[in-house]
Amino acid sequence: DTGYLVDKDGTLDINYVARHRGKLTDSKIGVSGVLRDRAEKTFRG
């Protein structure tokens, strides 16, 4: 569960990896955020 607010000339680079190997495994990835001014953001899930 990720929250972000990036402003001005800020940058945010996110990389989340869920490797499912076992039976009945479960992953939930939730990202919520705000970009303002000249901000840059990359999200890899």
PDB file of all heavy atoms in Angstrom:
ATOM      1  N   ASP A   1       0.871  -1.177   0.000  1.00  0.00           N
ATOM      2  CA  ASP A   1       0.000   0.000   0.000  1.00  0.00           C
ATOM      3  C   ASP A   1       0.910   1.229   0.000  1.00  0.00           C
ATOM      4  O   ASP A   1       1.572   1.517   1.000  1.00  0.00           O
ATOM      5  CB  ASP A   1      -0.892  -0.017   1.245  1.00  0.00           C
ATOM      6  CG  ASP A   1      -2.026   0.993   1.161  1.00  0.00           C
ATOM      7  OD1 ASP A   1      -2.106   1.738   0.162  1.00  0.00           O
ATOM      8  OD2 ASP A   1      -2.839   1.054   2.101  1.00  0.00           O
ATOM      9  N   THR A   2       0.965   1.937  -1.113  1.00  0.00           N
ATOM     10  CA  THR A   2       1.908   3.054  -1.270  1.00  0.00           C
ATOM     11  C   THR A   2       1.167   4.342  -1.606  1.00  0.00           C
ATOM     12  O   THR A   2       0.259   4.347  -2.436  1.00  0.00           O
ATOM     13  CB  THR A   2       2.922   2.749  -2.381  1.00  0.00           C
ATOM     14  OG1 THR A   2       3.712   1.625  -2.000  1.00  0.00           O
ATOM     15  CG2 THR A   2       3.844   3.930  -2.632  1.00  0.00           C
ATOM     16  N   GLY A   3       1.580   5.431  -0.962  1.00  0.00           N
ATOM     17  CA  GLY A   3       1.047   6.752  -1.262  1.00  0.00           C
ATOM     18  C   GLY A   3       2.184   7.725  -1.528  1.00  0.00           C
ATOM     19  O   GLY A   3       3.223   7.662  -0.876  1.00  0.00           O
ATOM     20  N   TYR A   4       1.991   8.609  -2.496  1.00  0.00           N
ATOM     21  CA  TYR A   4       3.055   9.568  -2.809  1.00  0.00           C
ATOM     22  C   TYR A   4       2.457  10.907  -3.241  1.00  0.00           C
ATOM     23  O   TYR A   4       1.359  10.989  -3.785  1.00  0.00           O
ATOM     24  CB  TYR A   4       3.978   9.035  -3.912  1.00  0.00           C
ATOM     25  CG  TYR A   4       3.302   8.768  -5.236  1.00  0.00           C
ATOM     26  CD1 TYR A   4       3.062   9.779  -6.165  1.00  0.00           C
ATOM     27  CD2 TYR A   4       2.886   7.477  -5.571  1.00  0.00           C
ATOM     28  CE1 TYR A   4       2.442   9.533  -7.368  1.00  0.00           C
ATOM     29  CE2 TYR A   4       2.262   7.218  -6.774  1.00  0.00           C
ATOM     30  CZ  TYR A   4       2.050   8.248  -7.678  1.00  0.00           C
ATOM     31  OH  TYR A   4       1.413   7.999  -8.870  1.00  0.00           O
ATOM     32  N   LEU A   5       3.211  11.957  -2.961  1.00  0.00           N
ATOM     33  CA  LEU A   5       2.944  13.289  -3.487  1.00  0.00           C
ATOM     34  C   LEU A   5       4.292  13.855  -3.915  1.00  0.00           C
ATOM     35  O   LEU A   5       5.145  14.132  -3.076  1.00  0.00           O
ATOM     36  CB  LEU A   5       2.272  14.193  -2.452  1.00  0.00           C
ATOM     37  CG  LEU A   5       1.677  15.505  -2.970  1.00  0.00           C
ATOM     38  CD1 LEU A   5       0.677  16.086  -1.962  1.00  0.00           C
ATOM     39  CD2 LEU A   5       2.748  16.572  -3.254  1.00  0.00           C
ATOM     40  N   VAL A   6       4.475  13.980  -5.221  1.00  0.00           N
ATOM     41  CA  VAL A   6       5.738  14.476  -5.763  1.00  0.00           C
ATOM     42  C   VAL A   6       5.481  15.832  -6.397  1.00  0.00           C
ATOM     43  O   VAL A   6       4.565  15.982  -7.219  1.00  0.00           O
ATOM     44  CB  VAL A   6       6.322  13.508  -6.810  1.00  0.00           C
ATOM     45  CG1 VAL A   6       7.748  13.916  -7.173  1.00  0.00           C
ATOM     46  CG2 VAL A   6       6.306  12.072  -6.292  1.00  0.00           C
ATOM     47  N   ASP A   7       6.286  16.824  -6.009  1.00  0.00           N
ATOM     48  CA  ASP A   7       6.071  18.165  -6.543  1.00  0.00           C
ATOM     49  C   ASP A   7       7.384  18.793  -7.011  1.00  0.00           C
ATOM     50  O   ASP A   7       8.440  18.152  -6.985  1.00  0.00           O
ATOM     51  CB  ASP A   7       5.363  19.055  -5.523  1.00  0.00           C
ATOM     52  CG  ASP A   7       6.139  19.187  -4.212  1.00  0.00           C
ATOM     53  OD1 ASP A   7       7.325  18.799  -4.165  1.00  0.00           O
ATOM     54  OD2 ASP A   7       5.559  19.680  -3.225  1.00  0.00           O
ATOM     55  N   LYS A   8       7.301  20.030  -7.454  1.00  0.00           N
ATOM     56  CA  LYS A   8       8.447  20.786  -7.990  1.00  0.00           C
ATOM     57  C   LYS A   8       9.148  19.952  -9.066  1.00  0.00           C
ATOM     58  O   LYS A   8       8.503  19.491  -9.990  1.00  0.00           O
ATOM     59  CB  LYS A   8       9.389  21.194  -6.855  1.00  0.00           C
ATOM     60  CG  LYS A   8       8.726  22.078  -5.804  1.00  0.00           C
ATOM     61  CD  LYS A   8       9.693  22.409  -4.674  1.00  0.00           C
ATOM     62  CE  LYS A   8       8.999  23.203  -3.592  1.00  0.00           C
ATOM     63  NZ  LYS A   8       9.891  23.466  -2.442  1.00  0.00           N
ATOM     64  N   ASP A   9      10.463  19.751  -8.948  1.00  0.00           N
ATOM     65  CA  ASP A   9      11.212  18.964  -9.917  1.00  0.00           C
ATOM     66  C   ASP A   9      11.562  17.582  -9.374  1.00  0.00           C
ATOM     67  O   ASP A   9      12.539  16.956  -9.806  1.00  0.00           O
ATOM     68  CB  ASP A   9      12.493  19.695 -10.326  1.00  0.00           C
ATOM     69  CG  ASP A   9      12.201  20.975 -11.079  1.00  0.00           C
ATOM     70  OD1 ASP A   9      11.577  20.902 -12.158  1.00  0.00           O
ATOM     71  OD2 ASP A   9      12.569  22.059 -10.578  1.00  0.00           O
ATOM     72  N   GLY A  10      10.775  17.099  -8.439  1.00  0.00           N
ATOM     73  CA  GLY A  10      11.044  15.803  -7.829  1.00  0.00           C
ATOM     74  C   GLY A  10      10.795  14.648  -8.781  1.00  0.00           C
ATOM     75  O   GLY A  10      10.034  14.761  -9.754  1.00  0.00           O
ATOM     76  N   THR A  11      11.458  13.515  -8.495  1.00  0.00           N
ATOM     77  CA  THR A  11      11.251  12.306  -9.279  1.00  0.00           C
ATOM     78  C   THR A  11      11.030  11.129  -8.332  1.00  0.00           C
ATOM     79  O   THR A  11      11.603  11.066  -7.244  1.00  0.00           O
ATOM     80  CB  THR A  11      12.448  11.988 -10.195  1.00  0.00           C
ATOM     81  OG1 THR A  11      13.619  11.761  -9.395  1.00  0.00           O
ATOM     82  CG2 THR A  11      12.707  13.123 -11.159  1.00  0.00           C
ATOM     83  N   LEU A  12      10.197  10.202  -8.768  1.00  0.00           N
ATOM     84  CA  LEU A  12       9.934   8.988  -8.004  1.00  0.00           C
ATOM     85  C   LEU A  12       9.932   7.809  -8.963  1.00  0.00           C
ATOM     86  O   LEU A  12       9.230   7.825  -9.971  1.00  0.00           O
ATOM     87  CB  LEU A  12       8.581   9.082  -7.293  1.00  0.00           C
ATOM     88  CG  LEU A  12       8.123   7.840  -6.514  1.00  0.00           C
ATOM     89  CD1 LEU A  12       9.079   7.520  -5.380  1.00  0.00           C
ATOM     90  CD2 LEU A  12       6.710   8.026  -5.979  1.00  0.00           C
ATOM     91  N   ASP A  13      10.747   6.801  -8.666  1.00  0.00           N
ATOM     92  CA  ASP A  13      10.832   5.611  -9.496  1.00  0.00           C
ATOM     93  C   ASP A  13      10.546   4.396  -8.627  1.00  0.00           C
ATOM     94  O   ASP A  13      11.246   4.151  -7.646  1.00  0.00           O
ATOM     95  CB  ASP A  13      12.226   5.499 -10.128  1.00  0.00           C
ATOM     96  CG  ASP A  13      12.261   4.487 -11.256  1.00  0.00           C
ATOM     97  OD1 ASP A  13      12.370   3.278 -10.962  1.00  0.00           O
ATOM     98  OD2 ASP A  13      12.175   4.899 -12.419  1.00  0.00           O
ATOM     99  N   ILE A  14       9.499   3.633  -8.962  1.00  0.00           N
ATOM    100  CA  ILE A  14       9.035   2.509  -8.135  1.00  0.00           C
ATOM    101  C   ILE A  14       9.130   1.212  -8.923  1.00  0.00           C
ATOM    102  O   ILE A  14       8.748   1.163 -10.097  1.00  0.00           O
ATOM    103  CB  ILE A  14       7.580   2.733  -7.680  1.00  0.00           C
ATOM    104  CG1 ILE A  14       7.446   4.036  -6.883  1.00  0.00           C
ATOM    105  CG2 ILE A  14       7.084   1.555  -6.853  1.00  0.00           C
ATOM    106  CD1 ILE A  14       6.005   4.391  -6.552  1.00  0.00           C
ATOM    107  N   ASN A  15       9.598   0.159  -8.253  1.00  0.00           N
ATOM    108  CA  ASN A  15       9.645  -1.161  -8.871  1.00  0.00           C
ATOM    109  C   ASN A  15       9.243  -2.213  -7.838  1.00  0.00           C
ATOM    110  O   ASN A  15       9.956  -2.455  -6.868  1.00  0.00           O
ATOM    111  CB  ASN A  15      11.059  -1.462  -9.372  1.00  0.00           C
ATOM    112  CG  ASN A  15      11.136  -2.776 -10.130  1.00  0.00           C
ATOM    113  OD1 ASN A  15      10.307  -3.055 -10.991  1.00  0.00           O
ATOM    114  ND2 ASN A  15      12.124  -3.598  -9.802  1.00  0.00           N
ATOM    115  N   TYR A  16       8.090  -2.845  -8.035  1.00  0.00           N
ATOM    116  CA  TYR A  16       7.614  -3.908  -7.152  1.00  0.00           C
ATOM    117  C   TYR A  16       7.514  -5.203  -7.957  1.00  0.00           C
ATOM    118  O   TYR A  16       6.952  -5.222  -9.062  1.00  0.00           O
ATOM    119  CB  TYR A  16       6.234  -3.579  -6.579  1.00  0.00           C
ATOM    120  CG  TYR A  16       6.192  -2.369  -5.681  1.00  0.00           C
ATOM    121  CD1 TYR A  16       5.070  -1.533  -5.660  1.00  0.00           C
ATOM    122  CD2 TYR A  16       7.254  -2.048  -4.843  1.00  0.00           C
ATOM    123  CE1 TYR A  16       5.010  -0.427  -4.836  1.00  0.00           C
ATOM    124  CE2 TYR A  16       7.201  -0.936  -4.012  1.00  0.00           C
ATOM    125  CZ  TYR A  16       6.080  -0.131  -4.016  1.00  0.00           C
ATOM    126  OH  TYR A  16       6.018   0.982  -3.193  1.00  0.00           O
ATOM    127  N   VAL A  17       8.036  -6.292  -7.393  1.00  0.00           N
ATOM    128  CA  VAL A  17       8.004  -7.585  -8.064  1.00  0.00           C
ATOM    129  C   VAL A  17       7.517  -8.649  -7.088  1.00  0.00           C
ATOM    130  O   VAL A  17       8.109  -8.835  -6.012  1.00  0.00           O
ATOM    131  CB  VAL A  17       9.397  -7.985  -8.592  1.00  0.00           C
ATOM    132  CG1 VAL A  17       9.318  -9.331  -9.321  1.00  0.00           C
ATOM    133  CG2 VAL A  17       9.966  -6.912  -9.518  1.00  0.00           C
ATOM    134  N   ALA A  18       6.457  -9.343  -7.455  1.00  0.00           N
ATOM    135  CA  ALA A  18       5.942 -10.466  -6.662  1.00  0.00           C
ATOM    136  C   ALA A  18       6.205 -11.756  -7.429  1.00  0.00           C
ATOM    137  O   ALA A  18       5.644 -11.971  -8.508  1.00  0.00           O
ATOM    138  CB  ALA A  18       4.453 -10.297  -6.398  1.00  0.00           C
ATOM    139  N   ARG A  19       7.088 -12.598  -6.879  1.00  0.00           N
ATOM    140  CA  ARG A  19       7.412 -13.877  -7.505  1.00  0.00           C
ATOM    141  C   ARG A  19       6.552 -14.976  -6.864  1.00  0.00           C
ATOM    142  O   ARG A  19       6.819 -15.398  -5.736  1.00  0.00           O
ATOM    143  CB  ARG A  19       8.884 -14.217  -7.297  1.00  0.00           C
ATOM    144  CG  ARG A  19       9.868 -13.169  -7.765  1.00  0.00           C
ATOM    145  CD  ARG A  19      10.098 -13.215  -9.246  1.00  0.00           C
ATOM    146  NE  ARG A  19      11.228 -12.361  -9.630  1.00  0.00           N
ATOM    147  CZ  ARG A  19      11.478 -11.956 -10.850  1.00  0.00           C
ATOM    148  NH1 ARG A  19      10.676 -12.330 -11.839  1.00  0.00           N
ATOM    149  NH2 ARG A  19      12.524 -11.191 -11.113  1.00  0.00           N
ATOM    150  N   HIS A  20       5.555 -15.424  -7.564  1.00  0.00           N
ATOM    151  CA  HIS A  20       4.676 -16.473  -7.048  1.00  0.00           C
ATOM    152  C   HIS A  20       5.285 -17.842  -7.365  1.00  0.00           C
ATOM    153  O   HIS A  20       5.349 -18.244  -8.532  1.00  0.00           O
ATOM    154  CB  HIS A  20       3.289 -16.367  -7.692  1.00  0.00           C
ATOM    155  CG  HIS A  20       2.499 -15.185  -7.244  1.00  0.00           C
ATOM    156  ND1 HIS A  20       1.501 -15.281  -6.304  1.00  0.00           N
ATOM    157  CD2 HIS A  20       2.559 -13.881  -7.594  1.00  0.00           C
ATOM    158  CE1 HIS A  20       0.959 -14.081  -6.111  1.00  0.00           C
ATOM    159  NE2 HIS A  20       1.599 -13.214  -6.886  1.00  0.00           N
ATOM    160  N   ARG A  21       5.711 -18.544  -6.329  1.00  0.00           N
ATOM    161  CA  ARG A  21       6.277 -19.878  -6.503  1.00  0.00           C
ATOM    162  C   ARG A  21       5.405 -20.957  -5.840  1.00  0.00           C
ATOM    163  O   ARG A  21       5.276 -22.063  -6.357  1.00  0.00           O
ATOM    164  CB  ARG A  21       7.695 -19.927  -5.935  1.00  0.00           C
ATOM    165  CG  ARG A  21       8.640 -18.889  -6.538  1.00  0.00           C
ATOM    166  CD  ARG A  21      10.056 -19.036  -5.998  1.00  0.00           C
ATOM    167  NE  ARG A  21      10.895 -17.906  -6.355  1.00  0.00           N
ATOM    168  CZ  ARG A  21      11.542 -17.778  -7.504  1.00  0.00           C
ATOM    169  NH1 ARG A  21      11.440 -18.742  -8.423  1.00  0.00           N
ATOM    170  NH2 ARG A  21      12.283 -16.710  -7.754  1.00  0.00           N
ATOM    171  N   GLY A  22       4.836 -20.629  -4.684  1.00  0.00           N
ATOM    172  CA  GLY A  22       4.036 -21.596  -3.958  1.00  0.00           C
ATOM    173  C   GLY A  22       2.584 -21.608  -4.413  1.00  0.00           C
ATOM    174  O   GLY A  22       2.079 -20.655  -5.010  1.00  0.00           O
ATOM    175  N   LYS A  23       1.893 -22.681  -4.094  1.00  0.00           N
ATOM    176  CA  LYS A  23       0.474 -22.806  -4.425  1.00  0.00           C
ATOM    177  C   LYS A  23      -0.367 -21.874  -3.549  1.00  0.00           C
ATOM    178  O   LYS A  23      -0.043 -21.635  -2.386  1.00  0.00           O
ATOM    179  CB  LYS A  23       0.018 -24.255  -4.235  1.00  0.00           C
ATOM    180  CG  LYS A  23       0.681 -25.234  -5.192  1.00  0.00           C
ATOM    181  CD  LYS A  23       0.188 -26.651  -4.957  1.00  0.00           C
ATOM    182  CE  LYS A  23       0.836 -27.631  -5.926  1.00  0.00           C
ATOM    183  NZ  LYS A  23       0.380 -29.022  -5.708  1.00  0.00           N
ATOM    184  N   LEU A  24      -1.434 -21.362  -4.146  1.00  0.00           N
ATOM    185  CA  LEU A  24      -2.386 -20.488  -3.441  1.00  0.00           C
ATOM    186  C   LEU A  24      -1.727 -19.254  -2.845  1.00  0.00           C
ATOM    187  O   LEU A  24      -2.191 -18.700  -1.854  1.00  0.00           O
ATOM    188  CB  LEU A  24      -3.124 -21.271  -2.341  1.00  0.00           C
ATOM    189  CG  LEU A  24      -4.210 -22.230  -2.860  1.00  0.00           C
ATOM    190  CD1 LEU A  24      -4.658 -23.172  -1.751  1.00  0.00           C
ATOM    191  CD2 LEU A  24      -5.406 -21.448  -3.387  1.00  0.00           C
ATOM    192  N   THR A  25      -0.639 -18.799  -3.443  1.00  0.00           N
ATOM    193  CA  THR A  25      -0.013 -17.545  -3.008  1.00  0.00           C
ATOM    194  C   THR A  25      -0.854 -16.366  -3.497  1.00  0.00           C
ATOM    195  O   THR A  25      -1.624 -16.475  -4.454  1.00  0.00           O
ATOM    196  CB  THR A  25       1.417 -17.436  -3.546  1.00  0.00           C
ATOM    197  OG1 THR A  25       1.416 -17.719  -4.957  1.00  0.00           O
ATOM    198  CG2 THR A  25       2.323 -18.425  -2.836  1.00  0.00           C
ATOM    199  N   ASP A  26      -0.687 -15.226  -2.841  1.00  0.00           N
ATOM    200  CA  ASP A  26      -1.516 -14.071  -3.178  1.00  0.00           C
ATOM    201  C   ASP A  26      -0.700 -12.790  -3.048  1.00  0.00           C
ATOM    202  O   ASP A  26       0.069 -12.619  -2.095  1.00  0.00           O
ATOM    203  CB  ASP A  26      -2.728 -13.989  -2.247  1.00  0.00           C
ATOM    204  CG  ASP A  26      -3.607 -12.786  -2.549  1.00  0.00           C
ATOM    205  OD1 ASP A  26      -4.218 -12.752  -3.637  1.00  0.00           O
ATOM    206  OD2 ASP A  26      -3.649 -11.853  -1.720  1.00  0.00           O
ATOM    207  N   SER A  27      -0.856 -11.894  -4.021  1.00  0.00           N
ATOM    208  CA  SER A  27      -0.202 -10.580  -3.948  1.00  0.00           C
ATOM    209  C   SER A  27      -1.195  -9.488  -4.298  1.00  0.00           C
ATOM    210  O   SER A  27      -2.018  -9.638  -5.201  1.00  0.00           O
ATOM    211  CB  SER A  27       1.003 -10.513  -4.898  1.00  0.00           C
ATOM    212  OG  SER A  27       0.594 -10.626  -6.254  1.00  0.00           O
ATOM    213  N   LYS A  28      -1.092  -8.400  -3.557  1.00  0.00           N
ATOM    214  CA  LYS A  28      -1.905  -7.216  -3.817  1.00  0.00           C
ATOM    215  C   LYS A  28      -0.975  -6.009  -3.791  1.00  0.00           C
ATOM    216  O   LYS A  28      -0.254  -5.787  -2.814  1.00  0.00           O
ATOM    217  CB  LYS A  28      -3.008  -7.043  -2.768  1.00  0.00           C
ATOM    218  CG  LYS A  28      -4.073  -8.130  -2.799  1.00  0.00           C
ATOM    219  CD  LYS A  28      -5.146  -7.857  -1.749  1.00  0.00           C
ATOM    220  CE  LYS A  28      -6.260  -8.911  -1.810  1.00  0.00           C
ATOM    221  NZ  LYS A  28      -5.759 -10.262  -1.472  1.00  0.00           N
ATOM    222  N   ILE A  29      -0.976  -5.245  -4.871  1.00  0.00           N
ATOM    223  CA  ILE A  29      -0.141  -4.050  -4.975  1.00  0.00           C
ATOM    224  C   ILE A  29      -1.051  -2.870  -5.267  1.00  0.00           C
ATOM    225  O   ILE A  29      -1.702  -2.818  -6.319  1.00  0.00           O
ATOM    226  CB  ILE A  29       0.913  -4.197  -6.086  1.00  0.00           C
ATOM    227  CG1 ILE A  29       1.831  -5.389  -5.805  1.00  0.00           C
ATOM    228  CG2 ILE A  29       1.729  -2.917  -6.218  1.00  0.00           C
ATOM    229  CD1 ILE A  29       2.787  -5.705  -6.941  1.00  0.00           C
ATOM    230  N   GLY A  30      -1.121  -1.933  -4.334  1.00  0.00           N
ATOM    231  CA  GLY A  30      -1.944  -0.743  -4.502  1.00  0.00           C
ATOM    232  C   GLY A  30      -1.106   0.512  -4.357  1.00  0.00           C
ATOM    233  O   GLY A  30      -0.416   0.685  -3.352  1.00  0.00           O
ATOM    234  N   VAL A  31      -1.143   1.367  -5.368  1.00  0.00           N
ATOM    235  CA  VAL A  31      -0.346   2.597  -5.369  1.00  0.00           C
ATOM    236  C   VAL A  31      -1.269   3.760  -5.698  1.00  0.00           C
ATOM    237  O   VAL A  31      -2.049   3.697  -6.648  1.00  0.00           O
ATOM    238  CB  VAL A  31       0.802   2.517  -6.397  1.00  0.00           C
ATOM    239  CG1 VAL A  31       1.591   3.815  -6.417  1.00  0.00           C
ATOM    240  CG2 VAL A  31       1.715   1.342  -6.094  1.00  0.00           C
ATOM    241  N   SER A  32      -1.175   4.816  -4.908  1.00  0.00           N
ATOM    242  CA  SER A  32      -2.026   5.986  -5.111  1.00  0.00           C
ATOM    243  C   SER A  32      -1.200   7.243  -4.896  1.00  0.00           C
ATOM    244  O   SER A  32      -0.467   7.330  -3.910  1.00  0.00           O
ATOM    245  CB  SER A  32      -3.215   5.966  -4.130  1.00  0.00           C
ATOM    246  OG  SER A  32      -3.990   7.137  -4.248  1.00  0.00           O
ATOM    247  N   GLY A  33      -1.290   8.196  -5.828  1.00  0.00           N
ATOM    248  CA  GLY A  33      -0.443   9.368  -5.643  1.00  0.00           C
ATOM    249  C   GLY A  33      -0.853  10.580  -6.441  1.00  0.00           C
ATOM    250  O   GLY A  33      -1.805  10.566  -7.226  1.00  0.00           O
ATOM    251  N   VAL A  34      -0.078  11.642  -6.219  1.00  0.00           N
ATOM    252  CA  VAL A  34      -0.331  12.948  -6.823  1.00  0.00           C
ATOM    253  C   VAL A  34       0.970  13.468  -7.425  1.00  0.00           C
ATOM    254  O   VAL A  34       2.030  13.409  -6.793  1.00  0.00           O
ATOM    255  CB  VAL A  34      -0.838  13.956  -5.762  1.00  0.00           C
ATOM    256  CG1 VAL A  34      -1.097  15.311  -6.404  1.00  0.00           C
ATOM    257  CG2 VAL A  34      -2.096  13.429  -5.084  1.00  0.00           C
ATOM    258  N   LEU A  35       0.884  13.974  -8.664  1.00  0.00           N
ATOM    259  CA  LEU A  35       2.009  14.636  -9.312  1.00  0.00           C
ATOM    260  C   LEU A  35       1.623  16.082  -9.584  1.00  0.00           C
ATOM    261  O   LEU A  35       0.546  16.350 -10.117  1.00  0.00           O
ATOM    262  CB  LEU A  35       2.360  13.944 -10.629  1.00  0.00           C
ATOM    263  CG  LEU A  35       2.781  12.473 -10.566  1.00  0.00           C
ATOM    264  CD1 LEU A  35       3.023  11.933 -11.967  1.00  0.00           C
ATOM    265  CD2 LEU A  35       4.014  12.305  -9.702  1.00  0.00           C
ATOM    266  N   ARG A  36       2.537  16.989  -9.220  1.00  0.00           N
ATOM    267  CA  ARG A  36       2.253  18.397  -9.466  1.00  0.00           C
ATOM    268  C   ARG A  36       3.512  19.123  -9.921  1.00  0.00           C
ATOM    269  O   ARG A  36       4.606  18.586  -9.864  1.00  0.00           O
ATOM    270  CB  ARG A  36       1.640  19.051  -8.221  1.00  0.00           C
ATOM    271  CG  ARG A  36       2.417  18.890  -6.973  1.00  0.00           C
ATOM    272  CD  ARG A  36       1.604  19.150  -5.716  1.00  0.00           C
ATOM    273  NE  ARG A  36       0.814  20.367  -5.753  1.00  0.00           N
ATOM    274  CZ  ARG A  36       0.080  20.803  -4.732  1.00  0.00           C
ATOM    275  NH1 ARG A  36       0.038  20.094  -3.602  1.00  0.00           N
ATOM    276  NH2 ARG A  36      -0.614  21.903  -4.820  1.00  0.00           N
ATOM    277  N   ASP A  37       3.339  20.328 -10.404  1.00  0.00           N
ATOM    278  CA  ASP A  37       4.427  21.174 -10.925  1.00  0.00           C
ATOM    279  C   ASP A  37       5.106  20.486 -12.112  1.00  0.00           C
ATOM    280  O   ASP A  37       4.475  20.242 -13.111  1.00  0.00           O
ATOM    281  CB  ASP A  37       5.425  21.510  -9.810  1.00  0.00           C
ATOM    282  CG  ASP A  37       4.764  22.180  -8.624  1.00  0.00           C
ATOM    283  OD1 ASP A  37       3.877  23.021  -8.855  1.00  0.00           O
ATOM    284  OD2 ASP A  37       5.101  21.846  -7.478  1.00  0.00           O
ATOM    285  N   ARG A  38       6.389  20.088 -11.946  1.00  0.00           N
ATOM    286  CA  ARG A  38       7.140  19.443 -13.038  1.00  0.00           C
ATOM    287  C   ARG A  38       7.609  18.046 -12.617  1.00  0.00           C
ATOM    288  O   ARG A  38       8.624  17.529 -13.098  1.00  0.00           O
ATOM    289  CB  ARG A  38       8.342  20.308 -13.414  1.00  0.00           C
ATOM    290  CG  ARG A  38       7.947  21.702 -13.925  1.00  0.00           C
ATOM    291  CD  ARG A  38       9.094  22.658 -13.876  1.00  0.00           C
ATOM    292  NE  ARG A  38       9.626  22.818 -12.525  1.00  0.00           N
ATOM    293  CZ  ARG A  38       9.072  23.565 -11.562  1.00  0.00           C
ATOM    294  NH1 ARG A  38       7.940  24.229 -11.807  1.00  0.00           N
ATOM    295  NH2 ARG A  38       9.635  23.655 -10.365  1.00  0.00           N
ATOM    296  N   ALA A  39       6.898  17.433 -11.698  1.00  0.00           N
ATOM    297  CA  ALA A  39       7.308  16.148 -11.128  1.00  0.00           C
ATOM    298  C   ALA A  39       7.251  15.026 -12.170  1.00  0.00           C
ATOM    299  O   ALA A  39       6.460  15.068 -13.117  1.00  0.00           O
ATOM    300  CB  ALA A  39       6.419  15.800  -9.947  1.00  0.00           C
ATOM    301  N   GLU A  40       8.109  14.012 -11.945  1.00  0.00           N
ATOM    302  CA  GLU A  40       8.141  12.826 -12.798  1.00  0.00           C
ATOM    303  C   GLU A  40       8.025  11.574 -11.936  1.00  0.00           C
ATOM    304  O   GLU A  40       8.610  11.511 -10.859  1.00  0.00           O
ATOM    305  CB  GLU A  40       9.432  12.766 -13.615  1.00  0.00           C
ATOM    306  CG  GLU A  40       9.618  13.918 -14.574  1.00  0.00           C
ATOM    307  CD  GLU A  40      10.867  13.755 -15.430  1.00  0.00           C
ATOM    308  OE1 GLU A  40      11.446  12.647 -15.417  1.00  0.00           O
ATOM    309  OE2 GLU A  40      11.254  14.727 -16.090  1.00  0.00           O
ATOM    310  N   LYS A  41       7.283  10.589 -12.456  1.00  0.00           N
ATOM    311  CA  LYS A  41       7.122   9.332 -11.707  1.00  0.00           C
ATOM    312  C   LYS A  41       7.002   8.162 -12.660  1.00  0.00           C
ATOM    313  O   LYS A  41       6.338   8.257 -13.698  1.00  0.00           O
ATOM    314  CB  LYS A  41       5.873   9.413 -10.830  1.00  0.00           C
ATOM    315  CG  LYS A  41       5.635   8.227  -9.904  1.00  0.00           C
ATOM    316  CD  LYS A  41       4.277   7.588 -10.127  1.00  0.00           C
ATOM    317  CE  LYS A  41       4.232   6.772 -11.363  1.00  0.00           C
ATOM    318  NZ  LYS A  41       2.907   6.315 -11.761  1.00  0.00           N
ATOM    319  N   THR A  42       7.688   7.063 -12.302  1.00  0.00           N
ATOM    320  CA  THR A  42       7.550   5.811 -13.035  1.00  0.00           C
ATOM    321  C   THR A  42       7.193   4.714 -12.039  1.00  0.00           C
ATOM    322  O   THR A  42       7.842   4.572 -11.004  1.00  0.00           O
ATOM    323  CB  THR A  42       8.854   5.432 -13.759  1.00  0.00           C
ATOM    324  OG1 THR A  42       9.155   6.421 -14.750  1.00  0.00           O
ATOM    325  CG2 THR A  42       8.717   4.082 -14.438  1.00  0.00           C
ATOM    326  N   PHE A  43       6.151   3.964 -12.356  1.00  0.00           N
ATOM    327  CA  PHE A  43       5.750   2.830 -11.524  1.00  0.00           C
ATOM    328  C   PHE A  43       5.809   1.557 -12.347  1.00  0.00           C
ATOM    329  O   PHE A  43       5.170   1.445 -13.392  1.00  0.00           O
ATOM    330  CB  PHE A  43       4.332   3.022 -10.978  1.00  0.00           C
ATOM    331  CG  PHE A  43       3.730   1.757 -10.410  1.00  0.00           C
ATOM    332  CD1 PHE A  43       4.277   1.164  -9.280  1.00  0.00           C
ATOM    333  CD2 PHE A  43       2.645   1.151 -11.021  1.00  0.00           C
ATOM    334  CE1 PHE A  43       3.740  -0.023  -8.776  1.00  0.00           C
ATOM    335  CE2 PHE A  43       2.097  -0.021 -10.521  1.00  0.00           C
ATOM    336  CZ  PHE A  43       2.651  -0.611  -9.393  1.00  0.00           C
ATOM    337  N   ARG A  44       6.608   0.593 -11.867  1.00  0.00           N
ATOM    338  CA  ARG A  44       6.653  -0.741 -12.461  1.00  0.00           C
ATOM    339  C   ARG A  44       6.094  -1.722 -11.445  1.00  0.00           C
ATOM    340  O   ARG A  44       6.616  -1.811 -10.325  1.00  0.00           O
ATOM    341  CB  ARG A  44       8.083  -1.147 -12.819  1.00  0.00           C
ATOM    342  CG  ARG A  44       8.804  -0.203 -13.764  1.00  0.00           C
ATOM    343  CD  ARG A  44      10.272  -0.606 -13.917  1.00  0.00           C
ATOM    344  NE  ARG A  44      11.032   0.489 -14.504  1.00  0.00           N
ATOM    345  CZ  ARG A  44      11.514   1.514 -13.825  1.00  0.00           C
ATOM    346  NH1 ARG A  44      11.334   1.563 -12.505  1.00  0.00           N
ATOM    347  NH2 ARG A  44      12.173   2.482 -14.424  1.00  0.00           N
ATOM    348  N   GLY A  45       5.079  -2.447 -11.818  1.00  0.00           N
ATOM    349  CA  GLY A  45       4.510  -3.457 -10.936  1.00  0.00           C
ATOM    350  C   GLY A  45       4.444  -4.782 -11.664  1.00  0.00           C
ATOM    351  O   GLY A  45       3.774  -4.889 -12.688  1.00  0.00           O
TER     352      GLY A  45
END
